[in-house]
Protein backbone atom coordinates (compact mmCIF):
# COMPACT_ATOMS: atom_id res chain seq x y z
CA MET A 1 7.31 88.19 28.50
CA PRO A 2 11.20 88.75 26.42
CA ARG A 3 12.27 86.66 23.70
CA SER A 4 15.15 85.07 25.65
CA SER A 5 13.11 83.52 28.73
CA LEU A 6 10.83 82.21 25.83
CA LYS A 7 13.45 80.52 24.36
CA ARG A 8 14.55 78.90 27.22
CA ARG A 9 11.10 77.57 27.87
CA ARG A 10 10.72 76.21 24.58
CA ALA A 11 14.19 74.29 25.28
CA ASN A 12 13.27 72.83 28.40
CA LYS A 13 9.98 71.63 27.15
CA ALA A 14 11.93 69.67 24.30
CA LEU A 15 13.94 68.16 26.97
CA ASP A 16 11.18 67.41 28.99
CA ASN A 17 8.99 65.87 25.88
CA PRO A 18 11.16 64.38 23.11
CA SER A 19 8.44 63.01 21.10
CA ASP A 20 7.64 66.57 20.83
CA GLY A 21 10.73 67.00 18.43
CA THR A 22 10.36 63.81 16.12
CA ASP A 23 7.39 65.33 13.84
CA GLU A 24 9.52 63.62 10.92
CA THR A 25 9.66 60.36 12.42
CA GLU A 26 6.06 60.11 13.01
CA LEU A 27 5.46 60.83 9.49
CA ASP A 28 8.15 58.30 8.24
CA TYR A 29 6.83 55.40 10.56
CA ALA A 30 3.16 56.09 9.41
CA LEU A 31 4.44 56.01 5.64
CA LEU A 32 5.81 52.91 6.45
CA LYS A 33 2.95 51.22 7.91
CA LYS A 34 0.87 52.27 4.75
CA LEU A 35 3.44 51.07 2.56
CA SER A 36 4.10 47.19 4.49
CA ARG A 37 -0.14 47.11 4.21
CA LEU A 38 0.31 47.88 0.24
CA ALA A 39 2.71 45.16 0.27
CA MET A 40 0.20 42.47 1.93
CA LEU A 41 -2.53 43.57 -0.54
CA VAL A 42 -0.09 42.69 -3.43
CA VAL A 43 0.85 38.95 -1.84
CA VAL A 44 -2.56 38.74 -1.08
CA LEU A 45 -3.58 39.29 -4.43
CA PHE A 46 -0.83 37.49 -5.82
CA LEU A 47 -1.87 33.99 -3.90
CA GLY A 48 -4.81 33.94 -5.97
CA THR A 49 -2.98 33.67 -9.11
CA ASN A 50 -2.33 30.65 -11.31
CA THR A 51 1.13 31.27 -11.20
CA PHE A 52 1.30 31.30 -7.63
CA ARG A 53 -0.93 28.05 -7.26
CA GLN A 54 1.46 26.21 -9.61
CA ILE A 55 4.72 27.25 -7.21
CA TYR A 56 3.00 26.23 -4.18
CA GLU A 57 1.47 22.89 -5.28
CA GLU A 58 3.99 21.83 -7.70
CA ILE A 59 7.00 23.24 -7.59
CA LEU A 60 7.43 24.01 -3.82
CA PRO A 61 6.49 20.86 -2.62
CA GLY A 62 9.08 19.10 -5.23
CA ALA A 63 11.73 21.16 -3.75
CA LEU A 64 11.03 20.07 -0.05
CA ASN A 65 10.63 16.56 -0.86
CA ILE A 66 14.17 16.29 -2.85
CA GLY A 67 15.50 16.46 0.89
CA LYS A 68 12.70 14.39 2.47
CA ARG A 69 13.55 11.75 -0.54
CA SER A 70 17.43 11.90 0.23
CA LEU A 71 17.11 11.21 3.68
CA ARG A 72 14.53 8.29 2.85
CA SER A 73 16.79 6.65 0.62
CA THR A 74 19.68 6.95 2.88
CA ASN A 75 17.90 5.20 5.95
CA GLU A 76 15.43 2.96 3.96
CA LYS A 77 16.97 -0.52 4.71
CA GLU A 78 16.43 0.69 8.61
CA GLU A 79 12.66 2.09 8.36
CA GLU A 80 11.23 -1.02 6.24
CA SER A 81 9.45 -3.40 8.80
CA TYR A 82 7.63 -6.26 7.94
CA THR A 83 4.27 -8.60 8.51
CA LEU A 84 3.53 -12.17 7.42
CA VAL A 85 -0.33 -12.76 7.39
CA VAL A 86 -1.04 -16.59 7.42
CA VAL A 87 -4.86 -17.87 6.47
CA ASN A 88 -4.93 -21.55 7.78
CA CYS A 89 -7.22 -24.43 8.47
CA ARG A 90 -5.50 -27.30 10.41
CA VAL A 91 -2.10 -27.50 8.85
CA ASN A 92 0.78 -27.98 10.78
CA MET A 93 2.11 -24.22 11.92
CA THR A 94 5.68 -25.53 13.36
CA TRP A 95 7.31 -23.37 10.38
CA LEU A 96 6.47 -20.08 11.90
CA LEU A 97 9.24 -20.48 14.10
CA GLN A 98 11.51 -20.13 11.40
CA VAL A 99 10.30 -16.70 10.59
CA PRO A 100 12.59 -13.63 11.34
CA SER A 101 12.01 -12.25 15.41
CA ASP A 102 11.42 -8.64 14.05
CA TRP A 103 8.54 -9.86 11.77
CA ARG A 104 5.10 -9.55 12.94
CA ILE A 105 3.10 -12.47 12.59
CA ILE A 106 -0.93 -12.53 12.20
CA VAL A 107 -2.59 -15.62 11.80
CA TYR A 108 -6.43 -15.95 10.50
CA GLU A 109 -7.72 -19.88 11.68
CA LYS A 110 -10.64 -20.37 9.13
CA CYS A 111 -11.08 -23.80 10.74
CA GLY A 112 -10.89 -23.28 14.75
CA ARG A 113 -7.93 -22.54 16.90
CA GLN A 114 -4.94 -24.86 16.55
CA GLU A 115 -1.79 -25.22 19.69
CA GLU A 116 -0.93 -21.16 19.48
CA LEU A 117 2.44 -19.69 19.31
CA SER A 118 3.07 -17.29 22.20
CA HIS A 119 4.44 -14.66 19.29
CA VAL A 120 1.60 -14.92 17.12
CA THR A 121 -1.42 -12.90 16.85
CA TYR A 122 -4.74 -15.33 16.07
CA HIS A 123 -7.99 -14.28 14.43
CA THR A 124 -10.40 -15.60 12.98
CA PRO A 125 -12.50 -14.18 9.88
CA THR A 126 -15.93 -13.85 9.08
CA ASN A 127 -17.50 -16.11 6.93
CA ALA A 128 -14.19 -17.14 5.56
CA GLY A 129 -15.51 -20.54 3.95
CA ALA A 130 -12.26 -22.66 2.23
CA GLU A 131 -10.62 -19.80 0.89
CA GLU A 132 -7.73 -17.52 1.93
CA CYS A 133 -9.13 -13.60 0.67
CA ASN A 134 -11.26 -13.41 3.49
CA GLY A 135 -8.61 -13.67 5.85
CA TYR A 136 -6.21 -11.21 3.77
CA LEU A 137 -9.09 -8.69 3.30
CA ASP A 138 -9.96 -8.45 6.80
CA TYR A 139 -6.03 -7.80 7.75
CA MET A 140 -6.02 -5.07 4.89
CA HIS A 141 -9.04 -3.66 6.24
CA ASP A 142 -8.75 -4.13 9.90
CA TYR A 143 -4.93 -3.29 10.18
CA TYR A 144 -5.29 -0.52 7.30
CA GLN A 145 -3.46 2.09 9.59
CA ASP A 146 -1.36 -0.42 11.29
CA LEU A 147 0.46 -1.30 8.42
CA THR A 148 4.10 -2.36 8.52
CA THR A 149 6.29 -1.62 5.52
CA VAL A 150 5.82 -5.00 3.48
CA THR A 151 3.19 -7.62 4.28
CA VAL A 152 3.64 -11.60 2.87
CA PHE A 153 0.51 -13.04 2.21
CA MET A 154 0.46 -17.09 2.80
CA HIS A 155 -1.41 -19.88 3.18
CA GLY A 156 -0.94 -22.15 6.13
CA ASP A 157 0.14 -24.98 4.11
CA GLY A 158 2.52 -22.10 1.96
CA LEU A 159 5.66 -23.95 2.26
CA ARG A 160 6.14 -26.94 0.10
CA SER A 161 7.31 -28.85 2.59
CA PHE A 162 4.19 -28.26 4.93
CA SER A 163 1.60 -29.19 1.84
CA ARG A 164 -0.16 -31.72 0.94
CA HIS A 165 0.73 -30.68 -2.74
CA SER A 166 4.23 -31.53 -4.60
CA GLY A 167 5.68 -30.04 -7.69
CA THR A 168 4.13 -27.62 -9.90
CA SER A 169 1.14 -28.20 -8.10
CA ALA A 170 2.46 -27.17 -4.81
CA HIS A 171 1.26 -23.17 -3.89
CA THR A 172 5.55 -22.08 -3.60
CA PRO A 173 8.84 -23.50 -4.80
CA PHE A 174 10.56 -23.46 -1.57
CA ASP A 175 10.63 -25.63 1.80
CA THR A 176 11.22 -22.98 4.31
CA PHE A 177 10.49 -19.49 5.31
CA GLU A 178 13.98 -18.23 4.89
CA PRO A 179 14.19 -17.82 1.02
CA ILE A 180 10.85 -15.87 1.21
CA ALA A 181 12.28 -13.27 3.70
CA ASN A 182 15.30 -13.14 1.64
CA ALA A 183 13.64 -12.59 -1.64
CA THR A 184 11.13 -9.84 0.02
CA ARG A 185 13.78 -7.77 1.61
CA GLN A 186 15.90 -8.00 -1.97
CA PHE A 187 13.35 -7.70 -4.65
CA VAL A 188 10.25 -5.74 -2.96
CA THR A 189 11.17 -2.16 -3.18
CA ARG A 190 9.50 1.07 -3.58
CA GLU A 191 10.13 0.20 -7.77
CA HIS A 192 8.46 -2.73 -7.51
CA PRO A 193 6.44 -2.83 -4.66
CA PHE A 194 4.77 -6.62 -5.45
CA LEU A 195 6.45 -9.84 -5.59
CA HIS A 196 4.34 -13.36 -6.39
CA PHE A 197 5.84 -16.65 -4.69
CA GLY A 198 4.05 -18.91 -7.14
CA ILE A 199 4.98 -21.32 -9.01
CA LYS A 200 3.41 -22.00 -12.56
CA GLU A 201 2.16 -19.22 -14.51
CA LEU A 202 -1.25 -19.57 -16.10
CA ALA A 203 -3.25 -17.19 -18.68
CA GLU A 204 -6.98 -16.76 -18.94
CA TRP A 205 -9.59 -14.94 -20.96
CA TRP A 206 -10.73 -12.37 -18.88
CA GLY A 207 -14.36 -12.44 -17.51
CA ARG A 208 -15.33 -15.61 -19.41
CA ASP A 209 -14.48 -18.42 -17.03
CA PRO A 210 -18.30 -19.87 -16.35
CA ASN A 211 -17.06 -19.64 -12.22
CA HIS A 212 -15.73 -17.11 -11.36
CA GLY A 213 -16.01 -14.79 -15.03
CA GLN A 214 -19.11 -13.30 -13.58
CA ALA A 215 -17.10 -12.28 -10.17
CA MET A 216 -14.55 -10.93 -11.95
CA LYS A 217 -16.78 -8.34 -13.57
CA ILE A 218 -18.66 -7.49 -10.23
CA LEU A 219 -15.43 -6.87 -8.40
CA TRP A 220 -13.41 -4.56 -11.41
CA PRO A 221 -15.00 -1.67 -10.40
CA LEU A 222 -13.28 -1.18 -7.71
CA PHE A 223 -10.22 -1.80 -9.11
CA ARG A 224 -10.48 2.14 -10.59
CA LEU A 225 -7.61 3.41 -8.55
CA SER A 226 -5.00 0.95 -9.85
CA ALA A 227 -6.05 2.03 -14.04
CA ASN A 228 -3.40 3.70 -14.99
CA SER A 229 -0.95 0.99 -13.83
CA LEU A 230 -2.96 -1.46 -15.78
CA LEU A 231 -2.56 0.22 -18.96
CA GLY A 232 1.05 0.16 -18.78
CA GLY A 233 2.50 1.17 -15.51
CA GLY A 234 3.46 4.82 -14.54
CA THR A 235 1.56 7.21 -12.47
CA MET A 236 -2.11 7.34 -11.71
CA SER A 237 -4.20 9.45 -14.10
CA GLU A 238 -6.37 12.05 -12.90
CA ASP A 239 -9.42 10.33 -14.38
CA ALA A 240 -8.50 7.20 -12.70
CA THR A 241 -10.39 8.47 -9.38
CA ARG A 242 -13.63 8.94 -11.53
CA LYS A 243 -14.21 6.48 -14.09
CA VAL A 244 -13.71 3.11 -14.65
CA PRO A 245 -11.42 1.52 -16.98
CA LYS A 246 -12.31 -1.15 -19.08
CA PRO A 247 -10.99 -4.31 -18.02
CA PRO A 248 -8.38 -6.18 -20.21
CA ILE A 249 -8.53 -8.40 -22.64
CA GLN A 250 -6.45 -11.00 -21.44
CA LEU A 251 -4.19 -11.32 -17.74
CA THR A 252 -1.43 -13.93 -16.57
CA PHE A 253 -1.44 -14.88 -13.00
CA ARG A 254 0.19 -17.62 -10.66
CA PRO A 255 -2.47 -19.60 -8.40
CA SER A 256 -2.69 -19.83 -4.61
CA ALA A 257 -2.36 -16.10 -4.10
CA HIS A 258 1.01 -16.01 -2.22
CA PHE A 259 2.61 -12.62 -2.61
CA ALA A 260 4.41 -9.80 -0.73
CA VAL A 261 3.23 -5.98 -1.37
CA ARG A 262 4.13 -2.46 0.12
CA LYS A 263 2.09 -0.82 2.57
CA GLU A 264 1.64 1.98 -0.10
CA GLN A 265 -0.04 -0.13 -2.43
CA ILE A 266 -2.64 -1.38 -0.15
CA GLN A 267 -3.67 2.31 1.17
CA MET A 268 -3.77 3.27 -2.75
CA HIS A 269 -7.40 2.24 -2.10
CA PRO A 270 -9.18 3.32 0.70
CA GLN A 271 -10.23 1.66 3.44
CA SER A 272 -14.13 1.62 2.27
CA THR A 273 -12.83 -0.67 -0.87
CA TYR A 274 -11.49 -3.37 1.42
CA TYR A 275 -15.11 -2.91 3.21
CA ALA A 276 -16.68 -3.63 0.15
CA LEU A 277 -14.98 -6.13 -0.78
CA LEU A 278 -15.65 -8.20 2.84
CA GLN A 279 -19.14 -7.42 2.28
CA GLN A 280 -19.67 -9.00 -1.07
CA LEU A 281 -17.74 -12.10 0.52
CA ARG A 282 -19.68 -12.56 3.35
CA HIS A 283 -22.81 -12.23 2.01
CA SER A 284 -22.77 -13.30 -1.62
CA ASN A 285 -23.90 -16.73 -0.52
CA LEU A 286 -27.58 -15.26 0.63
CA ILE A 287 -28.10 -14.05 -2.54
CA GLY A 288 -29.19 -16.69 -5.30
CA ASP A 289 -28.08 -16.65 -8.89
CA TYR A 290 -25.04 -14.77 -8.22
CA PRO A 291 -21.21 -16.24 -7.29
CA GLY A 292 -20.73 -17.25 -3.98
CA ALA A 293 -17.59 -16.42 -1.59
CA ARG A 294 -15.31 -19.52 -3.73
CA GLU A 295 -16.09 -17.76 -6.93
CA PHE A 296 -15.08 -14.35 -5.85
CA CYS A 297 -12.05 -15.34 -3.97
CA CYS A 298 -10.64 -17.54 -7.53
CA ALA A 299 -11.47 -13.95 -8.79
CA MET A 300 -9.21 -12.15 -6.53
CA GLU A 301 -6.61 -14.97 -6.67
CA ARG A 302 -6.06 -13.94 -10.63
CA MET A 303 -6.55 -10.37 -10.03
CA TRP A 304 -4.20 -9.37 -6.40
CA HIS A 305 -1.50 -8.06 -9.03
CA ILE A 306 -3.68 -5.36 -10.95
CA PHE A 307 -5.22 -4.53 -7.82
CA PHE A 308 -2.08 -3.46 -6.53
CA GLY A 309 -1.07 -1.73 -9.65
CA GLU A 310 0.82 -4.32 -11.78
CA PRO A 311 -0.04 -4.78 -15.64
CA ALA A 312 -2.55 -7.90 -16.35
CA ILE A 313 0.11 -9.61 -17.85
CA LEU A 314 2.15 -10.62 -14.85
CA PRO A 315 5.60 -8.92 -15.20
CA LYS A 316 8.72 -11.28 -14.93
CA ARG A 317 10.21 -8.89 -12.05
CA ALA A 318 7.24 -9.32 -9.96
CA SER A 319 7.49 -13.44 -10.03
CA ALA A 320 9.99 -14.43 -7.09
CA SER A 321 10.26 -17.90 -9.16
CA ASP A 322 11.67 -16.02 -12.52
CA LEU A 323 14.28 -13.98 -10.36
CA LEU A 324 15.45 -16.43 -8.63
CA ASN A 325 15.67 -18.98 -11.67
CA ILE A 326 12.89 -21.56 -10.52
CA THR A 327 11.99 -22.86 -13.29
CA GLU A 328 9.10 -25.38 -13.63
CA CYS A 329 10.64 -28.36 -14.69
CA GLU A 330 13.12 -27.96 -11.79
CA MET A 331 9.70 -28.75 -9.47
CA CYS A 332 8.95 -31.53 -11.53
CA HIS A 333 12.24 -33.00 -11.10
CA HIS A 334 12.44 -33.38 -7.34
CA PRO A 335 8.84 -34.36 -5.73
CA GLU A 336 10.71 -36.23 -3.45
CA GLN A 337 11.37 -33.05 -1.26
CA ALA A 338 7.89 -32.33 -0.69
CA ASN A 339 5.21 -32.72 1.96
CA PRO A 340 7.40 -34.32 5.21
CA HIS A 341 5.81 -32.40 7.51
CA TYR A 342 2.19 -32.44 5.91
CA ALA A 343 -0.41 -33.57 8.39
CA SER A 344 -3.31 -34.53 6.60
């Protein structure tokens, strides 16, 4: 075959099959593929190093959370939601009509149902006895996945004007619910997530009381997750989830267990902790020579603030009476303001 005809045939073949003329391109693509696989191998090896682990676990989440925290702080007031939990026994509950309409209201009736309000949810706590803490713990356990931002816990006679108690023996210094709602909105924040509404402050040596001291010792292992705050505040230490810390030597508290607490503090403890506390309350009376439900509730009354991460010596910033400058002396001077609505 003439050489010119052979060249023409090769040219026509190249036009019909362009890929035949791209040997160098194919080689470049294969090389690029190998380099990509090598790069992926390097990344995989890097993933296992401590440096990456630190970046992934500490630096990156913190960077991502900057925007979230900024957005959250901007919308914090709009996101706030509130629940009032009341444990009641034959007390006039018309004061519930004073609760703001955007609050959820849940009542635990210990002594049988009274006249019910349509906007209130009612429950009967199990083996409640005469104490309030069973209803509080029922709520924390049963609503664990459905908590509002802040929950306020009160007795049915928590308002002074609806109570048989007067002066400094009243549960709170408030005659209406409005100052409690206002104090909750103003003072219960992410930085200060617990607020007590009691009047007088009492001090006690931890675990020495002949009645509820033993109950405090039995319950103490369930407080391990709030250990670091107990020792002076701050973030929870890694060992706090595994070790039971030593209890405080002394504590201060405000009687009657009327307080507000944020959702994060309730969920600081697993739901199983609330179940364990409830079992102590519900069945302790069945055991001889063992603290009963009343002793356990008296122990919790003294330790709620510790349980939710406050120091054993209740700080002034966690007391509504201190923040609002309501003194015990003022309460003594105005006994006539008490009890106009109380039904014995």
